[in-house]
Amino acid sequence: MDKANEQVTGKIALKLYKGRADAIRRSSPNALYDAALASFTESGGRFSQHASPGFIELWTLQSRMAYAIRNREREDG
């Protein structure tokens, strides 16, 4: 775990209220977040809109497979 957490560093601000802890601000010199990519329309060409259908296919594959298996079990049993 020490090796996996070597790059984990930064600051976080929490809002504490009635047993809850909500992160309201965070920063890290090693953050992967890129504000320029927050909106794909303004990514400066780093994201191709044509890649979206393939991404959606891969992202939903596991859910679609689980749905098919559940339906097959219902039909068989």
PDB file of N, CA and C in Angstrom:
ATOM      1  N   MET A   1       0.821  -1.190   0.000  1.00  0.00           N
ATOM      2  CA  MET A   1       0.000   0.000   0.000  1.00  0.00           C
ATOM      3  C   MET A   1       0.867   1.256   0.000  1.00  0.00           C
ATOM      4  N   ASP A   2       2.003   1.193   0.646  1.00  0.00           N
ATOM      5  CA  ASP A   2       2.858   2.380   0.655  1.00  0.00           C
ATOM      6  C   ASP A   2       3.262   2.765  -0.765  1.00  0.00           C
ATOM      7  N   LYS A   3       3.612   1.780  -1.588  1.00  0.00           N
ATOM      8  CA  LYS A   3       4.017   2.049  -2.964  1.00  0.00           C
ATOM      9  C   LYS A   3       2.851   2.625  -3.766  1.00  0.00           C
ATOM     10  N   ALA A   4       1.668   2.048  -3.576  1.00  0.00           N
ATOM     11  CA  ALA A   4       0.486   2.518  -4.307  1.00  0.00           C
ATOM     12  C   ALA A   4       0.107   3.942  -3.922  1.00  0.00           C
ATOM     13  N   ASN A   5       0.435   4.361  -2.721  1.00  0.00           N
ATOM     14  CA  ASN A   5       0.046   5.684  -2.228  1.00  0.00           C
ATOM     15  C   ASN A   5       1.163   6.717  -2.284  1.00  0.00           C
ATOM     16  N   GLU A   6       2.270   6.401  -2.945  1.00  0.00           N
ATOM     17  CA  GLU A   6       3.383   7.356  -3.013  1.00  0.00           C
ATOM     18  C   GLU A   6       2.971   8.703  -3.590  1.00  0.00           C
ATOM     19  N   GLN A   7       2.095   8.701  -4.596  1.00  0.00           N
ATOM     20  CA  GLN A   7       1.700   9.941  -5.268  1.00  0.00           C
ATOM     21  C   GLN A   7       0.481  10.598  -4.629  1.00  0.00           C
ATOM     22  N   VAL A   8      -0.048   9.997  -3.574  1.00  0.00           N
ATOM     23  CA  VAL A   8      -1.233  10.555  -2.916  1.00  0.00           C
ATOM     24  C   VAL A   8      -0.787  11.663  -1.967  1.00  0.00           C
ATOM     25  N   THR A   9      -1.063  12.872  -2.371  1.00  0.00           N
ATOM     26  CA  THR A   9      -0.681  14.030  -1.573  1.00  0.00           C
ATOM     27  C   THR A   9      -1.579  15.199  -1.957  1.00  0.00           C
ATOM     28  N   GLY A  10      -1.689  16.158  -1.108  1.00  0.00           N
ATOM     29  CA  GLY A  10      -2.484  17.331  -1.428  1.00  0.00           C
ATOM     30  C   GLY A  10      -3.244  17.847  -0.228  1.00  0.00           C
ATOM     31  N   LYS A  11      -4.218  18.680  -0.511  1.00  0.00           N
ATOM     32  CA  LYS A  11      -5.030  19.297   0.536  1.00  0.00           C
ATOM     33  C   LYS A  11      -6.495  19.085   0.211  1.00  0.00           C
ATOM     34  N   ILE A  12      -7.307  18.973   1.266  1.00  0.00           N
ATOM     35  CA  ILE A  12      -8.743  18.801   1.106  1.00  0.00           C
ATOM     36  C   ILE A  12      -9.459  19.631   2.165  1.00  0.00           C
ATOM     37  N   ALA A  13     -10.555  20.238   1.776  1.00  0.00           N
ATOM     38  CA  ALA A  13     -11.390  20.978   2.728  1.00  0.00           C
ATOM     39  C   ALA A  13     -12.697  20.202   2.868  1.00  0.00           C
ATOM     40  N   LEU A  14     -13.094  19.964   4.093  1.00  0.00           N
ATOM     41  CA  LEU A  14     -14.301  19.204   4.377  1.00  0.00           C
ATOM     42  C   LEU A  14     -15.353  20.085   5.026  1.00  0.00           C
ATOM     43  N   LYS A  15     -16.595  19.790   4.738  1.00  0.00           N
ATOM     44  CA  LYS A  15     -17.719  20.408   5.428  1.00  0.00           C
ATOM     45  C   LYS A  15     -18.306  19.318   6.314  1.00  0.00           C
ATOM     46  N   LEU A  16     -18.266  19.535   7.609  1.00  0.00           N
ATOM     47  CA  LEU A  16     -18.776  18.567   8.577  1.00  0.00           C
ATOM     48  C   LEU A  16     -20.132  19.031   9.072  1.00  0.00           C
ATOM     49  N   TYR A  17     -21.120  18.124   8.999  1.00  0.00           N
ATOM     50  CA  TYR A  17     -22.460  18.487   9.428  1.00  0.00           C
ATOM     51  C   TYR A  17     -23.236  17.221   9.777  1.00  0.00           C
ATOM     52  N   LYS A  18     -23.677  17.128  11.006  1.00  0.00           N
ATOM     53  CA  LYS A  18     -24.524  16.035  11.486  1.00  0.00           C
ATOM     54  C   LYS A  18     -24.022  14.651  11.064  1.00  0.00           C
ATOM     55  N   GLY A  19     -22.776  14.381  11.332  1.00  0.00           N
ATOM     56  CA  GLY A  19     -22.222  13.057  11.042  1.00  0.00           C
ATOM     57  C   GLY A  19     -21.790  12.839   9.607  1.00  0.00           C
ATOM     58  N   ARG A  20     -21.889  13.860   8.776  1.00  0.00           N
ATOM     59  CA  ARG A  20     -21.460  13.764   7.374  1.00  0.00           C
ATOM     60  C   ARG A  20     -20.165  14.516   7.185  1.00  0.00           C
ATOM     61  N   ALA A  21     -19.385  14.068   6.235  1.00  0.00           N
ATOM     62  CA  ALA A  21     -18.172  14.774   5.832  1.00  0.00           C
ATOM     63  C   ALA A  21     -18.204  14.891   4.314  1.00  0.00           C
ATOM     64  N   ASP A  22     -18.377  16.104   3.811  1.00  0.00           N
ATOM     65  CA  ASP A  22     -18.431  16.349   2.370  1.00  0.00           C
ATOM     66  C   ASP A  22     -17.176  17.095   1.933  1.00  0.00           C
ATOM     67  N   ALA A  23     -16.504  16.569   0.917  1.00  0.00           N
ATOM     68  CA  ALA A  23     -15.349  17.264   0.352  1.00  0.00           C
ATOM     69  C   ALA A  23     -15.861  18.443  -0.470  1.00  0.00           C
ATOM     70  N   ILE A  24     -15.449  19.636  -0.122  1.00  0.00           N
ATOM     71  CA  ILE A  24     -15.911  20.819  -0.850  1.00  0.00           C
ATOM     72  C   ILE A  24     -14.794  21.462  -1.676  1.00  0.00           C
ATOM     73  N   ARG A  25     -13.552  21.095  -1.393  1.00  0.00           N
ATOM     74  CA  ARG A  25     -12.417  21.634  -2.139  1.00  0.00           C
ATOM     75  C   ARG A  25     -11.253  20.670  -1.995  1.00  0.00           C
ATOM     76  N   ARG A  26     -10.549  20.434  -3.090  1.00  0.00           N
ATOM     77  CA  ARG A  26      -9.366  19.574  -3.025  1.00  0.00           C
ATOM     78  C   ARG A  26      -8.351  20.016  -4.067  1.00  0.00           C
ATOM     79  N   SER A  27      -7.095  19.782  -3.755  1.00  0.00           N
ATOM     80  CA  SER A  27      -6.026  20.112  -4.690  1.00  0.00           C
ATOM     81  C   SER A  27      -4.848  19.188  -4.428  1.00  0.00           C
ATOM     82  N   SER A  28      -4.111  18.910  -5.493  1.00  0.00           N
ATOM     83  CA  SER A  28      -2.924  18.067  -5.393  1.00  0.00           C
ATOM     84  C   SER A  28      -1.998  18.372  -6.560  1.00  0.00           C
ATOM     85  N   PRO A  29      -0.703  18.425  -6.308  1.00  0.00           N
ATOM     86  CA  PRO A  29       0.217  18.630  -7.422  1.00  0.00           C
ATOM     87  C   PRO A  29       0.232  17.423  -8.357  1.00  0.00           C
ATOM     88  N   ASN A  30      -0.292  16.285  -7.917  1.00  0.00           N
ATOM     89  CA  ASN A  30      -0.296  15.072  -8.733  1.00  0.00           C
ATOM     90  C   ASN A  30      -1.681  14.738  -9.288  1.00  0.00           C
ATOM     91  N   ALA A  31      -2.612  15.682  -9.227  1.00  0.00           N
ATOM     92  CA  ALA A  31      -3.980  15.434  -9.681  1.00  0.00           C
ATOM     93  C   ALA A  31      -4.006  15.114 -11.180  1.00  0.00           C
ATOM     94  N   LEU A  32      -4.852  14.179 -11.559  1.00  0.00           N
ATOM     95  CA  LEU A  32      -5.028  13.828 -12.962  1.00  0.00           C
ATOM     96  C   LEU A  32      -6.112  14.677 -13.626  1.00  0.00           C
ATOM     97  N   TYR A  33      -6.886  15.394 -12.838  1.00  0.00           N
ATOM     98  CA  TYR A  33      -7.962  16.231 -13.366  1.00  0.00           C
ATOM     99  C   TYR A  33      -7.387  17.342 -14.229  1.00  0.00           C
ATOM    100  N   ASP A  34      -7.983  17.526 -15.377  1.00  0.00           N
ATOM    101  CA  ASP A  34      -7.562  18.583 -16.290  1.00  0.00           C
ATOM    102  C   ASP A  34      -8.791  19.431 -16.608  1.00  0.00           C
ATOM    103  N   ALA A  35      -8.800  20.652 -16.156  1.00  0.00           N
ATOM    104  CA  ALA A  35      -9.959  21.533 -16.360  1.00  0.00           C
ATOM    105  C   ALA A  35     -10.273  21.701 -17.842  1.00  0.00           C
ATOM    106  N   ALA A  36      -9.272  21.624 -18.702  1.00  0.00           N
ATOM    107  CA  ALA A  36      -9.502  21.775 -20.136  1.00  0.00           C
ATOM    108  C   ALA A  36     -10.306  20.609 -20.704  1.00  0.00           C
ATOM    109  N   LEU A  37     -10.293  19.467 -20.016  1.00  0.00           N
ATOM    110  CA  LEU A  37     -11.057  18.310 -20.478  1.00  0.00           C
ATOM    111  C   LEU A  37     -12.416  18.195 -19.810  1.00  0.00           C
ATOM    112  N   ALA A  38     -12.724  19.083 -18.886  1.00  0.00           N
ATOM    113  CA  ALA A  38     -13.999  19.003 -18.172  1.00  0.00           C
ATOM    114  C   ALA A  38     -15.168  19.136 -19.133  1.00  0.00           C
ATOM    115  N   SER A  39     -14.993  19.874 -20.197  1.00  0.00           N
ATOM    116  CA  SER A  39     -16.001  19.979 -21.247  1.00  0.00           C
ATOM    117  C   SER A  39     -15.391  19.434 -22.525  1.00  0.00           C
ATOM    118  N   PHE A  40     -15.934  18.336 -23.021  1.00  0.00           N
ATOM    119  CA  PHE A  40     -15.357  17.714 -24.210  1.00  0.00           C
ATOM    120  C   PHE A  40     -15.427  18.622 -25.428  1.00  0.00           C
ATOM    121  N   THR A  41     -16.375  19.545 -25.438  1.00  0.00           N
ATOM    122  CA  THR A  41     -16.477  20.437 -26.590  1.00  0.00           C
ATOM    123  C   THR A  41     -15.333  21.442 -26.624  1.00  0.00           C
ATOM    124  N   GLU A  42     -14.682  21.649 -25.486  1.00  0.00           N
ATOM    125  CA  GLU A  42     -13.587  22.621 -25.424  1.00  0.00           C
ATOM    126  C   GLU A  42     -12.268  21.941 -25.090  1.00  0.00           C
ATOM    127  N   SER A  43     -12.082  20.695 -25.542  1.00  0.00           N
ATOM    128  CA  SER A  43     -10.888  19.937 -25.172  1.00  0.00           C
ATOM    129  C   SER A  43      -9.684  20.256 -26.043  1.00  0.00           C
ATOM    130  N   GLY A  44      -9.840  21.153 -26.989  1.00  0.00           N
ATOM    131  CA  GLY A  44      -8.711  21.511 -27.836  1.00  0.00           C
ATOM    132  C   GLY A  44      -8.293  20.384 -28.756  1.00  0.00           C
ATOM    133  N   GLY A  45      -9.221  19.521 -29.125  1.00  0.00           N
ATOM    134  CA  GLY A  45      -8.900  18.426 -30.029  1.00  0.00           C
ATOM    135  C   GLY A  45      -8.337  17.193 -29.355  1.00  0.00           C
ATOM    136  N   ARG A  46      -8.247  17.199 -28.021  1.00  0.00           N
ATOM    137  CA  ARG A  46      -7.687  16.038 -27.314  1.00  0.00           C
ATOM    138  C   ARG A  46      -8.699  14.912 -27.168  1.00  0.00           C
ATOM    139  N   PHE A  47      -9.960  15.180 -27.481  1.00  0.00           N
ATOM    140  CA  PHE A  47     -10.984  14.144 -27.427  1.00  0.00           C
ATOM    141  C   PHE A  47     -11.798  14.223 -28.699  1.00  0.00           C
ATOM    142  N   SER A  48     -11.863  13.104 -29.397  1.00  0.00           N
ATOM    143  CA  SER A  48     -12.634  13.059 -30.634  1.00  0.00           C
ATOM    144  C   SER A  48     -14.065  12.644 -30.329  1.00  0.00           C
ATOM    145  N   GLN A  49     -15.017  13.454 -30.739  1.00  0.00           N
ATOM    146  CA  GLN A  49     -16.426  13.125 -30.548  1.00  0.00           C
ATOM    147  C   GLN A  49     -16.788  11.834 -31.277  1.00  0.00           C
ATOM    148  N   HIS A  50     -16.030  11.478 -32.302  1.00  0.00           N
ATOM    149  CA  HIS A  50     -16.291  10.253 -33.051  1.00  0.00           C
ATOM    150  C   HIS A  50     -15.964   9.003 -32.228  1.00  0.00           C
ATOM    151  N   ALA A  51     -15.243   9.155 -31.145  1.00  0.00           N
ATOM    152  CA  ALA A  51     -14.901   8.022 -30.283  1.00  0.00           C
ATOM    153  C   ALA A  51     -16.029   7.668 -29.321  1.00  0.00           C
ATOM    154  N   SER A  52     -16.997   8.558 -29.174  1.00  0.00           N
ATOM    155  CA  SER A  52     -18.073   8.358 -28.196  1.00  0.00           C
ATOM    156  C   SER A  52     -18.838   7.053 -28.363  1.00  0.00           C
ATOM    157  N   PRO A  53     -19.290   6.681 -29.565  1.00  0.00           N
ATOM    158  CA  PRO A  53     -20.054   5.432 -29.683  1.00  0.00           C
ATOM    159  C   PRO A  53     -19.266   4.213 -29.209  1.00  0.00           C
ATOM    160  N   GLY A  54     -18.003   4.130 -29.549  1.00  0.00           N
ATOM    161  CA  GLY A  54     -17.179   2.995 -29.103  1.00  0.00           C
ATOM    162  C   GLY A  54     -16.994   2.986 -27.603  1.00  0.00           C
ATOM    163  N   PHE A  55     -16.792   4.157 -27.035  1.00  0.00           N
ATOM    164  CA  PHE A  55     -16.642   4.267 -25.581  1.00  0.00           C
ATOM    165  C   PHE A  55     -17.913   3.797 -24.883  1.00  0.00           C
ATOM    166  N   ILE A  56     -19.057   4.223 -25.391  1.00  0.00           N
ATOM    167  CA  ILE A  56     -20.338   3.841 -24.792  1.00  0.00           C
ATOM    168  C   ILE A  56     -20.537   2.338 -24.901  1.00  0.00           C
ATOM    169  N   GLU A  57     -20.186   1.752 -26.044  1.00  0.00           N
ATOM    170  CA  GLU A  57     -20.294   0.298 -26.214  1.00  0.00           C
ATOM    171  C   GLU A  57     -19.471  -0.433 -25.156  1.00  0.00           C
ATOM    172  N   LEU A  58     -18.225  -0.022 -24.969  1.00  0.00           N
ATOM    173  CA  LEU A  58     -17.357  -0.681 -23.988  1.00  0.00           C
ATOM    174  C   LEU A  58     -17.835  -0.436 -22.565  1.00  0.00           C
ATOM    175  N   TRP A  59     -18.242   0.780 -22.274  1.00  0.00           N
ATOM    176  CA  TRP A  59     -18.662   1.150 -20.917  1.00  0.00           C
ATOM    177  C   TRP A  59     -19.896   0.372 -20.476  1.00  0.00           C
ATOM    178  N   THR A  60     -20.802   0.095 -21.428  1.00  0.00           N
ATOM    179  CA  THR A  60     -22.052  -0.575 -21.083  1.00  0.00           C
ATOM    180  C   THR A  60     -22.020  -2.081 -21.313  1.00  0.00           C
ATOM    181  N   LEU A  61     -20.930  -2.614 -21.826  1.00  0.00           N
ATOM    182  CA  LEU A  61     -20.855  -4.035 -22.166  1.00  0.00           C
ATOM    183  C   LEU A  61     -21.176  -4.939 -20.978  1.00  0.00           C
ATOM    184  N   GLN A  62     -20.602  -4.678 -19.831  1.00  0.00           N
ATOM    185  CA  GLN A  62     -20.820  -5.525 -18.662  1.00  0.00           C
ATOM    186  C   GLN A  62     -22.299  -5.514 -18.251  1.00  0.00           C
ATOM    187  N   SER A  63     -22.927  -4.363 -18.263  1.00  0.00           N
ATOM    188  CA  SER A  63     -24.345  -4.276 -17.898  1.00  0.00           C
ATOM    189  C   SER A  63     -25.213  -5.021 -18.897  1.00  0.00           C
ATOM    190  N   ARG A  64     -24.909  -4.871 -20.181  1.00  0.00           N
ATOM    191  CA  ARG A  64     -25.697  -5.555 -21.197  1.00  0.00           C
ATOM    192  C   ARG A  64     -25.542  -7.066 -21.099  1.00  0.00           C
ATOM    193  N   MET A  65     -24.340  -7.543 -20.790  1.00  0.00           N
ATOM    194  CA  MET A  65     -24.111  -8.980 -20.622  1.00  0.00           C
ATOM    195  C   MET A  65     -24.873  -9.512 -19.409  1.00  0.00           C
ATOM    196  N   ALA A  66     -24.845  -8.794 -18.307  1.00  0.00           N
ATOM    197  CA  ALA A  66     -25.564  -9.216 -17.095  1.00  0.00           C
ATOM    198  C   ALA A  66     -27.058  -9.274 -17.369  1.00  0.00           C
ATOM    199  N   TYR A  67     -27.581  -8.306 -18.106  1.00  0.00           N
ATOM    200  CA  TYR A  67     -29.003  -8.283 -18.445  1.00  0.00           C
ATOM    201  C   TYR A  67     -29.364  -9.517 -19.280  1.00  0.00           C
ATOM    202  N   ALA A  68     -28.521  -9.844 -20.267  1.00  0.00           N
ATOM    203  CA  ALA A  68     -28.781 -10.996 -21.124  1.00  0.00           C
ATOM    204  C   ALA A  68     -28.750 -12.297 -20.327  1.00  0.00           C
ATOM    205  N   ILE A  69     -27.817 -12.414 -19.409  1.00  0.00           N
ATOM    206  CA  ILE A  69     -27.713 -13.629 -18.591  1.00  0.00           C
ATOM    207  C   ILE A  69     -28.929 -13.763 -17.693  1.00  0.00           C
ATOM    208  N   ARG A  70     -29.361 -12.681 -17.068  1.00  0.00           N
ATOM    209  CA  ARG A  70     -30.547 -12.732 -16.204  1.00  0.00           C
ATOM    210  C   ARG A  70     -31.788 -13.144 -17.005  1.00  0.00           C
ATOM    211  N   ASN A  71     -31.938 -12.602 -18.188  1.00  0.00           N
ATOM    212  CA  ASN A  71     -33.098 -12.940 -19.028  1.00  0.00           C
ATOM    213  C   ASN A  71     -33.027 -14.394 -19.497  1.00  0.00           C
ATOM    214  N   ARG A  72     -31.842 -14.882 -19.804  1.00  0.00           N
ATOM    215  CA  ARG A  72     -31.686 -16.276 -20.222  1.00  0.00           C
ATOM    216  C   ARG A  72     -32.062 -17.201 -19.081  1.00  0.00           C
ATOM    217  N   GLU A  73     -31.656 -16.856 -17.854  1.00  0.00           N
ATOM    218  CA  GLU A  73     -31.992 -17.688 -16.691  1.00  0.00           C
ATOM    219  C   GLU A  73     -33.492 -17.709 -16.457  1.00  0.00           C
ATOM    220  N   ARG A  74     -34.158 -16.580 -16.667  1.00  0.00           N
ATOM    221  CA  ARG A  74     -35.616 -16.507 -16.499  1.00  0.00           C
ATOM    222  C   ARG A  74     -36.327 -17.381 -17.525  1.00  0.00           C
ATOM    223  N   GLU A  75     -35.829 -17.364 -18.777  1.00  0.00           N
ATOM    224  CA  GLU A  75     -36.437 -18.160 -19.838  1.00  0.00           C
ATOM    225  C   GLU A  75     -36.217 -19.660 -19.601  1.00  0.00           C
ATOM    226  N   ASP A  76     -35.050 -20.027 -19.056  1.00  0.00           N
ATOM    227  CA  ASP A  76     -34.719 -21.431 -18.817  1.00  0.00           C
ATOM    228  C   ASP A  76     -35.412 -21.975 -17.568  1.00  0.00           C
ATOM    229  N   GLY A  77     -35.620 -21.117 -16.598  1.00  0.00           N
ATOM    230  CA  GLY A  77     -36.094 -21.632 -15.312  1.00  0.00           C
ATOM    231  C   GLY A  77     -37.418 -21.206 -14.931  1.00  0.00           C
TER     232      GLY A  77
END
